[in-house]
C-alpha atoms as a PDB file:
ATOM      1  CA  MET A   1       0.000   0.000   0.000  1.00  0.00           C
ATOM      2  CA  ARG A   2       1.546   3.204  -1.254  1.00  0.00           C
ATOM      3  CA  PHE A   3       0.535   6.636  -2.350  1.00  0.00           C
ATOM      4  CA  THR A   4       1.473   6.222  -5.988  1.00  0.00           C
ATOM      5  CA  PRO A   5       1.069   9.082  -8.465  1.00  0.00           C
ATOM      6  CA  VAL A   6      -2.139   7.418  -9.728  1.00  0.00           C
ATOM      7  CA  VAL A   7      -3.635   7.376  -6.230  1.00  0.00           C
ATOM      8  CA  ILE A   8      -2.693  11.017  -5.695  1.00  0.00           C
ATOM      9  CA  ILE A   9      -4.295  12.053  -8.999  1.00  0.00           C
ATOM     10  CA  LEU A  10      -7.448  10.031  -8.217  1.00  0.00           C
ATOM     11  CA  VAL A  11      -7.724  11.726  -4.820  1.00  0.00           C
ATOM     12  CA  ALA A  12      -7.206  15.142  -6.437  1.00  0.00           C
ATOM     13  CA  ILE A  13      -9.954  14.388  -8.983  1.00  0.00           C
ATOM     14  CA  SER A  14     -12.270  13.378  -6.140  1.00  0.00           C
ATOM     15  CA  ILE A  15     -11.528  16.574  -4.213  1.00  0.00           C
ATOM     16  CA  VAL A  16     -12.108  18.802  -7.253  1.00  0.00           C
ATOM     17  CA  GLY A  17     -15.327  16.902  -7.986  1.00  0.00           C
ATOM     18  CA  ALA A  18     -16.554  17.259  -4.413  1.00  0.00           C
ATOM     19  CA  ILE A  19     -15.935  21.003  -4.587  1.00  0.00           C
ATOM     20  CA  ALA A  20     -17.530  21.382  -8.044  1.00  0.00           C
ATOM     21  CA  ILE A  21     -20.647  19.204  -7.663  1.00  0.00           C
ATOM     22  CA  PRO A  22     -22.648  21.740  -5.601  1.00  0.00           C
ATOM     23  CA  PHE A  23     -22.160  24.346  -8.348  1.00  0.00           C
ATOM     24  CA  GLY A  24     -23.397  22.067 -11.139  1.00  0.00           C
ATOM     25  CA  ASP A  25     -26.855  21.478 -12.558  1.00  0.00           C
ATOM     26  CA  PRO A  26     -29.058  19.800  -9.896  1.00  0.00           C
ATOM     27  CA  GLN A  27     -30.683  17.483 -12.447  1.00  0.00           C
ATOM     28  CA  PHE A  28     -27.319  15.742 -12.954  1.00  0.00           C
ATOM     29  CA  LEU A  29     -26.494  15.437  -9.258  1.00  0.00           C
ATOM     30  CA  GLY A  30     -26.984  11.663  -9.142  1.00  0.00           C
ATOM     31  CA  ARG A  31     -24.706  11.062 -12.131  1.00  0.00           C
ATOM     32  CA  ALA A  32     -22.055  13.392 -10.762  1.00  0.00           C
ATOM     33  CA  ILE A  33     -22.049  11.639  -7.394  1.00  0.00           C
ATOM     34  CA  ALA A  34     -21.841   8.209  -9.064  1.00  0.00           C
ATOM     35  CA  LEU A  35     -18.882   9.376 -11.139  1.00  0.00           C
ATOM     36  CA  GLU A  36     -17.096  10.766  -8.086  1.00  0.00           C
ATOM     37  CA  LEU A  37     -17.738   7.546  -6.168  1.00  0.00           C
ATOM     38  CA  SER A  38     -16.117   5.608  -9.006  1.00  0.00           C
ATOM     39  CA  PHE A  39     -12.983   7.760  -8.708  1.00  0.00           C
ATOM     40  CA  ILE A  40     -12.971   7.273  -4.932  1.00  0.00           C
ATOM     41  CA  MET A  41     -13.324   3.494  -5.328  1.00  0.00           C
ATOM     42  CA  LEU A  42     -10.503   3.421  -7.881  1.00  0.00           C
ATOM     43  CA  ALA A  43      -8.310   5.408  -5.472  1.00  0.00           C
ATOM     44  CA  ILE A  44      -9.027   2.962  -2.646  1.00  0.00           C
ATOM     45  CA  LEU A  45      -8.482  -0.126  -4.798  1.00  0.00           C
ATOM     46  CA  THR A  46      -5.281   1.242  -6.307  1.00  0.00           C
ATOM     47  CA  TYR A  47      -3.986   2.259  -2.877  1.00  0.00           C
ATOM     48  CA  LYS A  48      -4.656  -1.254  -1.575  1.00  0.00           C
ATOM     49  CA  GLY A  49      -2.619  -2.715  -4.432  1.00  0.00           C
ATOM     50  CA  PHE A  50      -5.324  -4.032  -6.765  1.00  0.00           C
ATOM     51  CA  CYS A  51      -3.429  -3.441 -10.000  1.00  0.00           C
ATOM     52  CA  LYS A  52      -6.338  -4.411 -12.250  1.00  0.00           C
ATOM     53  CA  ALA A  53      -8.104  -1.243 -11.088  1.00  0.00           C
ATOM     54  CA  LEU A  54      -5.505   0.681 -13.084  1.00  0.00           C
ATOM     55  CA  TYR A  55      -7.042  -0.611 -16.307  1.00  0.00           C
ATOM     56  CA  ALA A  56     -10.304   1.199 -15.508  1.00  0.00           C
ATOM     57  CA  CYS A  57      -8.588   4.559 -15.041  1.00  0.00           C
ATOM     58  CA  ILE A  58      -7.767   5.204 -18.691  1.00  0.00           C
ATOM     59  CA  PRO A  59     -11.231   4.565 -20.198  1.00  0.00           C
ATOM     60  CA  LEU A  60     -12.894   6.480 -17.354  1.00  0.00           C
ATOM     61  CA  ALA A  61     -10.640   9.498 -17.909  1.00  0.00           C
ATOM     62  CA  ILE A  62     -11.317   9.383 -21.652  1.00  0.00           C
ATOM     63  CA  ILE A  63     -15.077   9.193 -21.047  1.00  0.00           C
ATOM     64  CA  VAL A  64     -14.918  12.236 -18.762  1.00  0.00           C
ATOM     65  CA  MET A  65     -12.876  14.247 -21.271  1.00  0.00           C
ATOM     66  CA  VAL A  66     -15.098  13.320 -24.216  1.00  0.00           C
ATOM     67  CA  GLY A  67     -18.250  13.909 -22.167  1.00  0.00           C
ATOM     68  CA  ASN A  68     -17.087  17.373 -21.149  1.00  0.00           C
ATOM     69  CA  SER A  69     -16.217  18.163 -24.760  1.00  0.00           C
ATOM     70  CA  LEU A  70     -19.608  17.026 -26.068  1.00  0.00           C
ATOM     71  CA  ALA A  71     -21.702  18.781 -23.406  1.00  0.00           C
ATOM     72  CA  SER A  72     -22.500  22.138 -24.956  1.00  0.00           C
ATOM     73  CA  PRO A  73     -23.163  23.854 -21.589  1.00  0.00           C
ATOM     74  CA  HIS A  74     -19.698  22.777 -20.408  1.00  0.00           C
ATOM     75  CA  VAL A  75     -18.053  24.007 -23.606  1.00  0.00           C
ATOM     76  CA  LYS A  76     -19.882  27.343 -23.316  1.00  0.00           C
ATOM     77  CA  ILE A  77     -18.804  27.800 -19.686  1.00  0.00           C
ATOM     78  CA  MET A  78     -15.175  26.930 -20.489  1.00  0.00           C
ATOM     79  CA  THR A  79     -14.913  29.138 -23.579  1.00  0.00           C
ATOM     80  CA  THR A  80     -16.769  32.204 -22.305  1.00  0.00           C
ATOM     81  CA  PHE A  81     -15.822  31.989 -18.608  1.00  0.00           C
ATOM     82  CA  SER A  82     -19.373  33.162 -17.895  1.00  0.00           C
ATOM     83  CA  LYS A  83     -19.042  31.331 -14.583  1.00  0.00           C
ATOM     84  CA  PRO A  84     -15.311  31.623 -13.852  1.00  0.00           C
ATOM     85  CA  PHE A  85     -15.230  29.213 -10.890  1.00  0.00           C
ATOM     86  CA  ASN A  86     -17.138  26.551 -12.827  1.00  0.00           C
ATOM     87  CA  ALA A  87     -14.888  27.040 -15.852  1.00  0.00           C
ATOM     88  CA  ILE A  88     -11.739  26.606 -13.786  1.00  0.00           C
ATOM     89  CA  MET A  89     -13.144  23.496 -12.066  1.00  0.00           C
ATOM     90  CA  LEU A  90     -14.150  22.003 -15.432  1.00  0.00           C
ATOM     91  CA  ILE A  91     -10.755  22.667 -16.985  1.00  0.00           C
ATOM     92  CA  ILE A  92      -8.769  21.384 -14.007  1.00  0.00           C
ATOM     93  CA  GLY A  93     -10.968  18.415 -13.143  1.00  0.00           C
ATOM     94  CA  GLY A  94     -12.178  17.560 -16.619  1.00  0.00           C
ATOM     95  CA  TYR A  95      -8.988  17.893 -18.628  1.00  0.00           C
ATOM     96  CA  VAL A  96      -5.800  18.608 -16.665  1.00  0.00           C
ATOM     97  CA  LEU A  97      -6.295  15.965 -13.982  1.00  0.00           C
ATOM     98  CA  GLN A  98      -7.822  13.462 -16.419  1.00  0.00           C
ATOM     99  CA  GLY A  99      -4.799  13.836 -18.701  1.00  0.00           C
ATOM    100  CA  ALA A 100      -2.525  13.429 -15.690  1.00  0.00           C
ATOM    101  CA  LEU A 101      -4.478  10.299 -14.720  1.00  0.00           C
ATOM    102  CA  ILE A 102      -3.956   8.789 -18.159  1.00  0.00           C
ATOM    103  CA  GLY A 103      -0.236   9.618 -18.107  1.00  0.00           C
ATOM    104  CA  THR A 104       0.463   8.352 -14.600  1.00  0.00           C
ATOM    105  CA  THR A 105      -1.592   5.205 -15.190  1.00  0.00           C
ATOM    106  CA  VAL A 106       0.294   4.359 -18.383  1.00  0.00           C
ATOM    107  CA  PHE A 107       3.593   5.041 -16.610  1.00  0.00           C
ATOM    108  CA  GLN A 108       2.653   2.804 -13.665  1.00  0.00           C
ATOM    109  CA  LEU A 109       1.439  -0.011 -15.949  1.00  0.00           C
ATOM    110  CA  VAL A 110       4.634   0.126 -18.038  1.00  0.00           C
ATOM    111  CA  SER A 111       6.773   0.210 -14.903  1.00  0.00           C
ATOM    112  CA  ARG A 112       4.903  -2.749 -13.464  1.00  0.00           C
ATOM    113  CA  ARG A 113       5.302  -4.670 -16.727  1.00  0.00           C
ATOM    114  CA  GLN A 114       9.049  -3.988 -16.780  1.00  0.00           C
ATOM    115  CA  ASP A 115       9.348  -5.291 -13.203  1.00  0.00           C
ATOM    116  CA  ILE A 116       7.574  -8.496 -14.217  1.00  0.00           C
ATOM    117  CA  ILE A 117       9.846  -8.973 -17.232  1.00  0.00           C
ATOM    118  CA  GLN A 118      12.982  -8.409 -15.128  1.00  0.00           C
ATOM    119  CA  LYS A 119      11.814 -10.962 -12.551  1.00  0.00           C
ATOM    120  CA  GLN A 120      11.194 -13.499 -15.303  1.00  0.00           C
ATOM    121  CA  LYS A 121      14.687 -12.961 -16.720  1.00  0.00           C
ATOM    122  CA  LYS A 122      16.235 -13.633 -13.292  1.00  0.00           C
ATOM    123  CA  ASN A 123      14.483 -16.982 -13.043  1.00  0.00           C
END
């Protein structure tokens, strides 16, 4: 059990989401909470060493980024900064941290794979 970069990013995404949810559209509250709970569960599983949870991080991050890009209200908020706090939360949580999640997950998976290969060569 370690605080890997993936766990740190997942916790950061959860914190940004928890701050941003109250400012979002109330009709999507249930979906937003479910999404945040999935990030929290991934953080817990990854922290506890369940490496297969890493494979869910990349598609989830891509879904969030694509979803934010396709939601016209989100695009309007981010391009016009009509609601500056919401725009900043969307950009940080919806793109910056999601991109960081993809990068750190790929790095951790590659690193883990290299460790496995090195152990096999020793035997």
